[in-house]
């Protein structure tokens, strides 16, 4: 069982998260905190494998809590929780030692995927990552080592650019005169070839390898 501790100052959100995690037989929710200071006390007592914490909390925010957790218990994985328009705070969370982040509207499958990745000491980028945040990550140390560049044909490069511009599969299909299913196939093959986990990883790879130049 992966021991998980959550921290958020909204009880309703914690209740929803608790219900979500209760359906995963591989995860045990060992506690919940209302603020960063309480989170630190509970980490010391419960020694979780993974901490999922809101970035903005009273008394002590998630960024400072993450910094102190990694200083005292570096083996504990941390996932930051954020809203859509908090790119700078997410980067601060990663700088503080978080191994991943999730936006608060994610589904339970992605939460479980993020927990598993961080538990296995891997980085996890939320599937709903904006182009702005992906650009910030790609240009930071959090993008990880630059992978070997892959040769893509002109059509693949065009699809990569449209994905990076946050076009939907339907919009790409209309521009490229393809079916939506064909675009879906291209997207998955590109993700597989780049050896990334989702569209956020694809965008980061494309920026790192200058396949896409964000304005």
Protein backbone atom coordinates (compact mmCIF):
# COMPACT_ATOMS: atom_id res chain seq x y z
CA UNK A 1 0.00 0.00 0.00
CA UNK A 2 1.19 3.51 -0.85
CA UNK A 3 0.63 5.73 2.16
CA UNK A 4 -0.75 9.12 1.10
CA UNK A 5 -1.27 12.28 3.15
CA UNK A 6 -3.32 15.18 1.76
CA UNK A 7 -3.37 18.85 2.76
CA UNK A 8 -5.96 21.44 1.74
CA UNK A 9 -7.74 24.14 3.71
CA UNK A 10 -11.13 23.30 2.14
CA UNK A 11 -12.87 20.42 3.91
CA UNK A 12 -15.20 19.75 0.98
CA UNK A 13 -12.23 19.25 -1.34
CA UNK A 14 -10.54 16.94 1.17
CA UNK A 15 -13.72 14.89 1.50
CA UNK A 16 -13.94 14.47 -2.28
CA UNK A 17 -10.30 13.49 -2.48
CA UNK A 18 -10.73 11.03 0.37
CA UNK A 19 -13.64 9.36 -1.42
CA UNK A 20 -11.62 9.20 -4.65
CA UNK A 21 -8.63 7.54 -2.99
CA UNK A 22 -10.78 5.09 -1.02
CA UNK A 23 -11.59 3.30 -4.28
CA UNK A 24 -7.94 2.53 -5.00
CA UNK A 25 -6.84 -0.70 -3.33
CA UNK A 26 -3.15 0.22 -3.78
CA UNK A 27 -3.41 3.51 -1.88
CA UNK A 28 -4.04 4.15 1.81
CA UNK A 29 -5.01 7.66 2.92
CA UNK A 30 -3.27 7.96 6.30
CA UNK A 31 -4.25 11.53 7.17
CA UNK A 32 -5.43 14.97 6.10
CA UNK A 33 -4.19 18.42 7.11
CA UNK A 34 -5.71 21.90 6.89
CA UNK A 35 -2.51 23.92 6.52
CA UNK A 36 1.22 23.59 6.01
CA UNK A 37 2.14 23.63 9.67
CA UNK A 38 -0.30 20.83 10.44
CA UNK A 39 1.00 18.97 7.40
CA UNK A 40 4.57 19.02 8.74
CA UNK A 41 3.42 17.65 12.10
CA UNK A 42 1.47 14.84 10.43
CA UNK A 43 4.35 13.96 8.09
CA UNK A 44 6.63 13.58 11.10
CA UNK A 45 4.12 11.32 12.85
CA UNK A 46 2.77 9.28 9.92
CA UNK A 47 5.75 9.10 7.52
CA UNK A 48 3.71 8.89 4.29
CA UNK A 49 5.15 7.79 0.96
CA UNK A 50 3.46 10.59 -0.97
CA UNK A 51 2.14 14.00 0.10
CA UNK A 52 -0.51 15.75 -2.00
CA UNK A 53 -0.77 19.38 -0.94
CA UNK A 54 -2.52 22.52 -2.05
CA UNK A 55 -0.08 25.29 -2.92
CA UNK A 56 -2.07 28.10 -1.28
CA UNK A 57 -2.94 27.44 2.39
CA UNK A 58 -3.17 29.55 5.55
CA UNK A 59 -0.51 29.67 8.31
CA UNK A 60 2.05 27.96 6.04
CA UNK A 61 1.62 27.46 2.29
CA UNK A 62 2.38 24.29 0.36
CA UNK A 63 5.60 25.69 -1.09
CA UNK A 64 7.24 26.27 2.30
CA UNK A 65 5.86 22.98 3.62
CA UNK A 66 7.33 21.13 0.62
CA UNK A 67 10.69 22.79 1.14
CA UNK A 68 10.82 21.69 4.78
CA UNK A 69 9.55 18.17 4.05
CA UNK A 70 12.26 17.58 1.42
CA UNK A 71 14.91 18.96 3.77
CA UNK A 72 13.94 16.58 6.58
CA UNK A 73 12.52 13.58 4.69
CA UNK A 74 13.91 13.66 1.13
CA UNK A 75 12.47 10.25 0.21
CA UNK A 76 8.88 11.47 0.51
CA UNK A 77 7.31 12.31 -2.86
CA UNK A 78 5.31 15.53 -3.12
CA UNK A 79 2.54 16.48 -5.54
CA UNK A 80 1.33 20.08 -5.65
CA UNK A 81 -2.32 20.98 -6.22
CA UNK A 82 -3.09 24.17 -8.12
CA UNK A 83 -5.64 26.19 -10.05
CA UNK A 84 -5.34 26.95 -13.78
CA UNK A 85 -3.77 30.40 -13.51
CA UNK A 86 -1.01 29.64 -11.02
CA UNK A 87 1.94 28.81 -13.29
CA UNK A 88 4.48 30.79 -11.26
CA UNK A 89 3.38 29.12 -8.03
CA UNK A 90 3.66 25.68 -9.64
CA UNK A 91 7.23 26.44 -10.65
CA UNK A 92 7.97 27.57 -7.09
CA UNK A 93 6.48 24.29 -5.87
CA UNK A 94 8.77 22.32 -8.18
CA UNK A 95 11.74 24.41 -7.01
CA UNK A 96 10.79 23.57 -3.42
CA UNK A 97 11.09 19.85 -4.16
CA UNK A 98 7.75 18.67 -5.52
CA UNK A 99 7.99 15.86 -8.07
CA UNK A 100 4.71 16.64 -9.77
CA UNK A 101 1.62 18.78 -9.87
CA UNK A 102 -2.08 18.39 -10.60
CA UNK A 103 -4.77 20.89 -11.41
CA UNK A 104 -7.75 20.63 -9.11
CA UNK A 105 -10.19 19.54 -11.81
CA UNK A 106 -8.37 16.27 -12.63
CA UNK A 107 -10.15 12.93 -12.73
CA UNK A 108 -9.42 10.04 -10.40
CA UNK A 109 -7.44 8.11 -13.01
CA UNK A 110 -4.94 10.93 -13.35
CA UNK A 111 -4.64 11.31 -9.57
CA UNK A 112 -3.80 7.62 -9.29
CA UNK A 113 -1.33 7.87 -12.18
CA UNK A 114 0.40 10.84 -10.56
CA UNK A 115 0.67 9.04 -7.20
CA UNK A 116 2.24 5.99 -8.83
CA UNK A 117 4.76 8.07 -10.81
CA UNK A 118 5.86 10.13 -7.84
CA UNK A 119 6.00 7.05 -5.62
CA UNK A 120 8.38 5.50 -8.17
CA UNK A 121 10.52 8.67 -8.00
CA UNK A 122 9.41 9.92 -11.41
CA UNK A 123 8.19 13.39 -12.36
CA UNK A 124 4.54 13.89 -13.25
CA UNK A 125 3.14 16.78 -15.30
CA UNK A 126 -0.63 17.25 -15.30
CA UNK A 127 -2.35 16.45 -18.61
CA UNK A 128 -4.07 19.85 -18.53
CA UNK A 129 -0.78 21.75 -18.44
CA UNK A 130 -1.05 25.06 -20.29
CA UNK A 131 1.37 26.04 -23.05
CA UNK A 132 2.70 28.80 -20.78
CA UNK A 133 3.51 26.38 -17.97
CA UNK A 134 4.96 23.77 -20.35
CA UNK A 135 7.26 26.46 -21.73
CA UNK A 136 8.38 27.41 -18.23
CA UNK A 137 9.06 23.76 -17.36
CA UNK A 138 10.89 23.08 -20.64
CA UNK A 139 13.26 25.98 -20.00
CA UNK A 140 13.94 24.97 -16.39
CA UNK A 141 15.94 22.21 -14.74
CA UNK A 142 12.69 20.36 -14.04
CA UNK A 143 12.39 19.19 -17.65
CA UNK A 144 15.07 16.60 -16.94
CA UNK A 145 17.88 15.55 -19.28
CA UNK A 146 17.33 16.34 -22.93
CA UNK A 147 16.42 13.20 -24.83
CA UNK A 148 17.93 12.25 -28.16
CA UNK A 149 16.24 14.13 -30.98
CA UNK A 150 13.95 12.07 -33.19
CA UNK A 151 13.46 12.67 -36.90
CA UNK A 152 9.84 13.50 -37.69
CA UNK A 153 8.36 13.99 -41.15
CA UNK A 154 6.73 17.28 -42.20
CA UNK A 155 3.20 16.11 -41.38
CA UNK A 156 4.21 14.95 -37.91
CA UNK A 157 5.97 18.26 -37.22
CA UNK A 158 2.89 20.19 -38.29
CA UNK A 159 0.70 18.10 -35.97
CA UNK A 160 3.20 18.60 -33.13
CA UNK A 161 3.02 22.37 -33.62
CA UNK A 162 -0.79 22.35 -33.61
CA UNK A 163 -0.84 20.25 -30.43
CA UNK A 164 1.57 22.73 -28.82
CA UNK A 165 -0.79 25.54 -29.83
CA UNK A 166 -3.46 23.73 -27.78
CA UNK A 167 -5.61 22.80 -30.77
CA UNK A 168 -8.14 20.05 -30.18
CA UNK A 169 -8.11 16.84 -32.21
CA UNK A 170 -11.13 18.16 -34.14
CA UNK A 171 -9.37 21.45 -34.95
CA UNK A 172 -6.24 19.59 -36.09
CA UNK A 173 -8.34 17.23 -38.20
CA UNK A 174 -10.05 20.16 -39.93
CA UNK A 175 -6.77 21.93 -40.68
CA UNK A 176 -4.95 18.80 -41.84
CA UNK A 177 -7.90 17.30 -43.77
CA UNK A 178 -7.87 14.14 -41.64
CA UNK A 179 -10.38 12.28 -39.56
CA UNK A 180 -10.41 12.87 -35.81
CA UNK A 181 -9.50 9.20 -35.30
CA UNK A 182 -6.42 9.60 -37.52
CA UNK A 183 -5.30 12.61 -35.48
CA UNK A 184 -5.82 10.64 -32.27
CA UNK A 185 -3.59 7.91 -33.68
CA UNK A 186 -0.90 10.43 -34.63
CA UNK A 187 -1.02 12.01 -31.16
CA UNK A 188 -0.55 8.68 -29.40
CA UNK A 189 2.26 7.57 -31.74
CA UNK A 190 4.07 10.86 -31.17
CA UNK A 191 3.77 10.45 -27.40
CA UNK A 192 5.09 6.90 -27.66
CA UNK A 193 8.02 7.85 -29.89
CA UNK A 194 9.01 10.74 -27.62
CA UNK A 195 8.75 8.38 -24.63
CA UNK A 196 6.62 10.85 -22.68
CA UNK A 197 3.47 10.21 -20.67
CA UNK A 198 0.97 12.70 -22.02
CA UNK A 199 0.44 15.84 -24.08
CA UNK A 200 2.23 18.00 -21.50
CA UNK A 201 5.34 15.86 -21.96
CA UNK A 202 4.97 16.15 -25.74
CA UNK A 203 4.90 19.96 -25.56
CA UNK A 204 7.93 20.05 -23.26
CA UNK A 205 9.84 17.73 -25.62
CA UNK A 206 8.89 19.85 -28.64
CA UNK A 207 10.09 23.07 -27.00
CA UNK A 208 13.33 21.47 -25.78
CA UNK A 209 14.13 20.21 -29.28
CA UNK A 210 13.01 23.42 -31.05
CA UNK A 211 10.17 21.71 -32.89
CA UNK A 212 7.93 24.45 -31.52
CA UNK A 213 8.84 27.99 -30.60
CA UNK A 214 6.26 29.54 -28.25
CA UNK A 215 5.68 33.24 -28.74
